[in-house]
Amino acid sequence: MSSISDNRQHGKSTYTTQQVADVLEIHKNTLLNWVKAGKVPDAKRDWKKHRVWTDADVRKLIEFKNNYSQMELRI
């Protein structure tokens, strides 16, 4: 994982949607589109309704991206 400044919530590392998108090297809207399309699970929300991504979420997203980018386009 690239070095990003993390937040702490209940003793665990947490990340914003932009931070996660930066780690994945994708646009923030791409990540949100994956969530909206049901391709990846949504993150939990904080008291302000902002998404809060955990280390486990980021690992799953990295795995998804790696598998997604290896898919063949079949027409």
N, C-alpha and C. Protein backbone atom coordinates (compact mmCIF):
# COMPACT_ATOMS: atom_id res chain seq x y z
N MET A 1 0.85 -1.17 0.00
CA MET A 1 0.00 0.00 0.00
C MET A 1 0.89 1.23 0.00
N SER A 2 0.52 2.22 -0.75
CA SER A 2 1.33 3.44 -0.77
C SER A 2 1.20 4.14 0.57
N SER A 3 2.13 5.01 0.86
CA SER A 3 2.09 5.68 2.15
C SER A 3 1.06 6.81 2.10
N ILE A 4 0.10 6.71 2.97
CA ILE A 4 -0.91 7.75 3.10
C ILE A 4 -1.06 8.05 4.58
N SER A 5 -1.44 9.26 4.87
CA SER A 5 -1.67 9.59 6.26
C SER A 5 -3.01 8.98 6.66
N ASP A 6 -2.99 8.22 7.73
CA ASP A 6 -4.23 7.56 8.13
C ASP A 6 -4.82 8.23 9.36
N ASN A 7 -6.07 7.99 9.55
CA ASN A 7 -6.80 8.48 10.71
C ASN A 7 -6.90 7.31 11.67
N ARG A 8 -7.31 7.57 12.86
CA ARG A 8 -7.50 6.50 13.83
C ARG A 8 -8.94 6.56 14.32
N GLN A 9 -9.59 5.40 14.25
CA GLN A 9 -10.96 5.31 14.77
C GLN A 9 -11.03 4.00 15.52
N HIS A 10 -11.25 4.06 16.80
CA HIS A 10 -11.32 2.87 17.64
C HIS A 10 -10.06 2.04 17.52
N GLY A 11 -8.89 2.70 17.42
CA GLY A 11 -7.63 1.99 17.37
C GLY A 11 -7.29 1.36 16.03
N LYS A 12 -8.10 1.58 15.01
CA LYS A 12 -7.84 1.01 13.69
C LYS A 12 -7.56 2.12 12.70
N SER A 13 -6.79 1.80 11.67
CA SER A 13 -6.55 2.77 10.61
C SER A 13 -7.81 2.92 9.77
N THR A 14 -8.14 4.15 9.46
CA THR A 14 -9.29 4.43 8.60
C THR A 14 -8.87 5.43 7.53
N TYR A 15 -9.59 5.39 6.41
CA TYR A 15 -9.22 6.19 5.27
C TYR A 15 -10.45 6.83 4.64
N THR A 16 -10.24 7.98 4.02
CA THR A 16 -11.31 8.63 3.28
C THR A 16 -11.43 7.97 1.91
N THR A 17 -12.51 8.27 1.22
CA THR A 17 -12.71 7.74 -0.13
C THR A 17 -11.60 8.22 -1.05
N GLN A 18 -11.19 9.47 -0.93
CA GLN A 18 -10.11 9.98 -1.78
C GLN A 18 -8.80 9.27 -1.50
N GLN A 19 -8.49 9.02 -0.23
CA GLN A 19 -7.27 8.31 0.11
C GLN A 19 -7.26 6.90 -0.49
N VAL A 20 -8.38 6.22 -0.40
CA VAL A 20 -8.48 4.86 -0.97
C VAL A 20 -8.33 4.91 -2.48
N ALA A 21 -8.97 5.87 -3.13
CA ALA A 21 -8.85 6.01 -4.58
C ALA A 21 -7.39 6.27 -4.97
N ASP A 22 -6.69 7.06 -4.19
CA ASP A 22 -5.27 7.33 -4.46
C ASP A 22 -4.44 6.05 -4.35
N VAL A 23 -4.70 5.24 -3.34
CA VAL A 23 -3.99 3.98 -3.18
C VAL A 23 -4.25 3.06 -4.38
N LEU A 24 -5.51 3.03 -4.84
CA LEU A 24 -5.88 2.17 -5.96
C LEU A 24 -5.46 2.75 -7.31
N GLU A 25 -5.03 4.01 -7.29
CA GLU A 25 -4.66 4.72 -8.52
C GLU A 25 -5.82 4.77 -9.51
N ILE A 26 -6.99 5.12 -8.95
CA ILE A 26 -8.20 5.32 -9.75
C ILE A 26 -8.83 6.64 -9.32
N HIS A 27 -9.75 7.11 -10.11
CA HIS A 27 -10.48 8.33 -9.74
C HIS A 27 -11.48 7.99 -8.64
N LYS A 28 -11.71 8.93 -7.77
CA LYS A 28 -12.68 8.75 -6.67
C LYS A 28 -14.04 8.33 -7.22
N ASN A 29 -14.46 8.93 -8.34
CA ASN A 29 -15.76 8.60 -8.91
C ASN A 29 -15.82 7.15 -9.39
N THR A 30 -14.69 6.60 -9.84
CA THR A 30 -14.67 5.19 -10.24
C THR A 30 -14.99 4.31 -9.05
N LEU A 31 -14.36 4.59 -7.92
CA LEU A 31 -14.64 3.83 -6.70
C LEU A 31 -16.11 3.94 -6.31
N LEU A 32 -16.64 5.15 -6.35
CA LEU A 32 -18.04 5.35 -5.99
C LEU A 32 -18.98 4.67 -6.99
N ASN A 33 -18.59 4.63 -8.26
CA ASN A 33 -19.39 3.91 -9.26
C ASN A 33 -19.39 2.42 -8.99
N TRP A 34 -18.24 1.86 -8.59
CA TRP A 34 -18.18 0.44 -8.24
C TRP A 34 -19.12 0.14 -7.07
N VAL A 35 -19.14 1.04 -6.09
CA VAL A 35 -20.03 0.86 -4.93
C VAL A 35 -21.49 0.92 -5.40
N LYS A 36 -21.82 1.94 -6.18
CA LYS A 36 -23.20 2.13 -6.64
C LYS A 36 -23.68 0.95 -7.48
N ALA A 37 -22.78 0.37 -8.29
CA ALA A 37 -23.13 -0.76 -9.15
C ALA A 37 -23.16 -2.08 -8.38
N GLY A 38 -22.77 -2.07 -7.11
CA GLY A 38 -22.77 -3.28 -6.31
C GLY A 38 -21.57 -4.19 -6.58
N LYS A 39 -20.55 -3.66 -7.24
CA LYS A 39 -19.35 -4.46 -7.53
C LYS A 39 -18.48 -4.64 -6.29
N VAL A 40 -18.51 -3.66 -5.40
CA VAL A 40 -17.78 -3.73 -4.13
C VAL A 40 -18.72 -3.24 -3.02
N PRO A 41 -18.53 -3.75 -1.81
CA PRO A 41 -19.38 -3.28 -0.70
C PRO A 41 -19.04 -1.86 -0.30
N ASP A 42 -20.05 -1.15 0.16
CA ASP A 42 -19.86 0.21 0.63
C ASP A 42 -19.17 0.19 1.99
N ALA A 43 -18.49 1.28 2.30
CA ALA A 43 -17.83 1.43 3.60
C ALA A 43 -18.86 1.84 4.64
N LYS A 44 -18.48 1.63 5.88
CA LYS A 44 -19.32 2.14 6.97
C LYS A 44 -19.24 3.65 6.95
N ARG A 45 -20.19 4.28 7.61
CA ARG A 45 -20.26 5.75 7.64
C ARG A 45 -19.98 6.25 9.05
N ASP A 46 -19.38 7.45 9.11
CA ASP A 46 -19.16 8.07 10.41
C ASP A 46 -20.40 8.89 10.79
N TRP A 47 -20.30 9.61 11.88
CA TRP A 47 -21.46 10.36 12.36
C TRP A 47 -21.87 11.49 11.42
N LYS A 48 -20.96 11.90 10.52
CA LYS A 48 -21.30 12.92 9.53
C LYS A 48 -21.77 12.30 8.21
N LYS A 49 -21.93 10.98 8.20
CA LYS A 49 -22.35 10.21 7.02
C LYS A 49 -21.25 10.10 5.96
N HIS A 50 -19.99 10.39 6.34
CA HIS A 50 -18.86 10.22 5.43
C HIS A 50 -18.42 8.76 5.46
N ARG A 51 -18.00 8.25 4.31
CA ARG A 51 -17.51 6.87 4.25
C ARG A 51 -16.20 6.77 5.03
N VAL A 52 -16.06 5.67 5.76
CA VAL A 52 -14.85 5.39 6.53
C VAL A 52 -14.37 4.00 6.13
N TRP A 53 -13.27 3.95 5.37
CA TRP A 53 -12.72 2.70 4.86
C TRP A 53 -11.67 2.17 5.82
N THR A 54 -11.64 0.87 6.06
CA THR A 54 -10.67 0.25 6.95
C THR A 54 -9.56 -0.41 6.13
N ASP A 55 -8.53 -0.87 6.83
CA ASP A 55 -7.46 -1.61 6.17
C ASP A 55 -8.02 -2.84 5.44
N ALA A 56 -8.95 -3.53 6.09
CA ALA A 56 -9.56 -4.72 5.47
C ALA A 56 -10.32 -4.33 4.19
N ASP A 57 -11.04 -3.22 4.23
CA ASP A 57 -11.75 -2.74 3.04
C ASP A 57 -10.76 -2.47 1.90
N VAL A 58 -9.66 -1.81 2.24
CA VAL A 58 -8.67 -1.44 1.22
C VAL A 58 -8.06 -2.70 0.60
N ARG A 59 -7.74 -3.70 1.43
CA ARG A 59 -7.18 -4.95 0.90
C ARG A 59 -8.15 -5.62 -0.07
N LYS A 60 -9.44 -5.64 0.27
CA LYS A 60 -10.45 -6.23 -0.61
C LYS A 60 -10.57 -5.45 -1.91
N LEU A 61 -10.50 -4.14 -1.83
CA LEU A 61 -10.59 -3.30 -3.02
C LEU A 61 -9.38 -3.49 -3.94
N ILE A 62 -8.20 -3.65 -3.35
CA ILE A 62 -7.00 -3.91 -4.15
C ILE A 62 -7.15 -5.24 -4.88
N GLU A 63 -7.64 -6.24 -4.18
CA GLU A 63 -7.87 -7.56 -4.81
C GLU A 63 -8.89 -7.44 -5.93
N PHE A 64 -9.99 -6.71 -5.69
CA PHE A 64 -11.00 -6.52 -6.72
C PHE A 64 -10.41 -5.82 -7.94
N LYS A 65 -9.66 -4.76 -7.71
CA LYS A 65 -9.08 -4.01 -8.82
C LYS A 65 -8.13 -4.89 -9.63
N ASN A 66 -7.31 -5.68 -8.95
CA ASN A 66 -6.39 -6.56 -9.67
C ASN A 66 -7.14 -7.57 -10.52
N ASN A 67 -8.20 -8.15 -9.99
CA ASN A 67 -9.01 -9.10 -10.75
C ASN A 67 -9.78 -8.40 -11.87
N TYR A 68 -10.29 -7.22 -11.58
CA TYR A 68 -11.08 -6.46 -12.55
C TYR A 68 -10.23 -6.05 -13.74
N SER A 69 -9.00 -5.65 -13.48
CA SER A 69 -8.14 -5.19 -14.57
C SER A 69 -7.63 -6.34 -15.43
N GLN A 70 -7.73 -7.58 -14.92
CA GLN A 70 -7.29 -8.74 -15.68
C GLN A 70 -8.41 -9.34 -16.52
N MET A 71 -9.64 -8.87 -16.35
CA MET A 71 -10.77 -9.39 -17.14
C MET A 71 -10.60 -9.04 -18.60
N GLU A 72 -11.01 -9.95 -19.44
CA GLU A 72 -10.94 -9.69 -20.88
C GLU A 72 -12.23 -9.03 -21.33
N LEU A 73 -12.09 -8.14 -22.26
CA LEU A 73 -13.26 -7.51 -22.86
C LEU A 73 -13.73 -8.42 -23.98
N ARG A 74 -14.93 -8.95 -23.83
CA ARG A 74 -15.46 -9.86 -24.85
C ARG A 74 -16.63 -9.20 -25.56
N ILE A 75 -16.51 -9.15 -26.86
CA ILE A 75 -17.57 -8.53 -27.65
C ILE A 75 -18.18 -9.56 -28.56
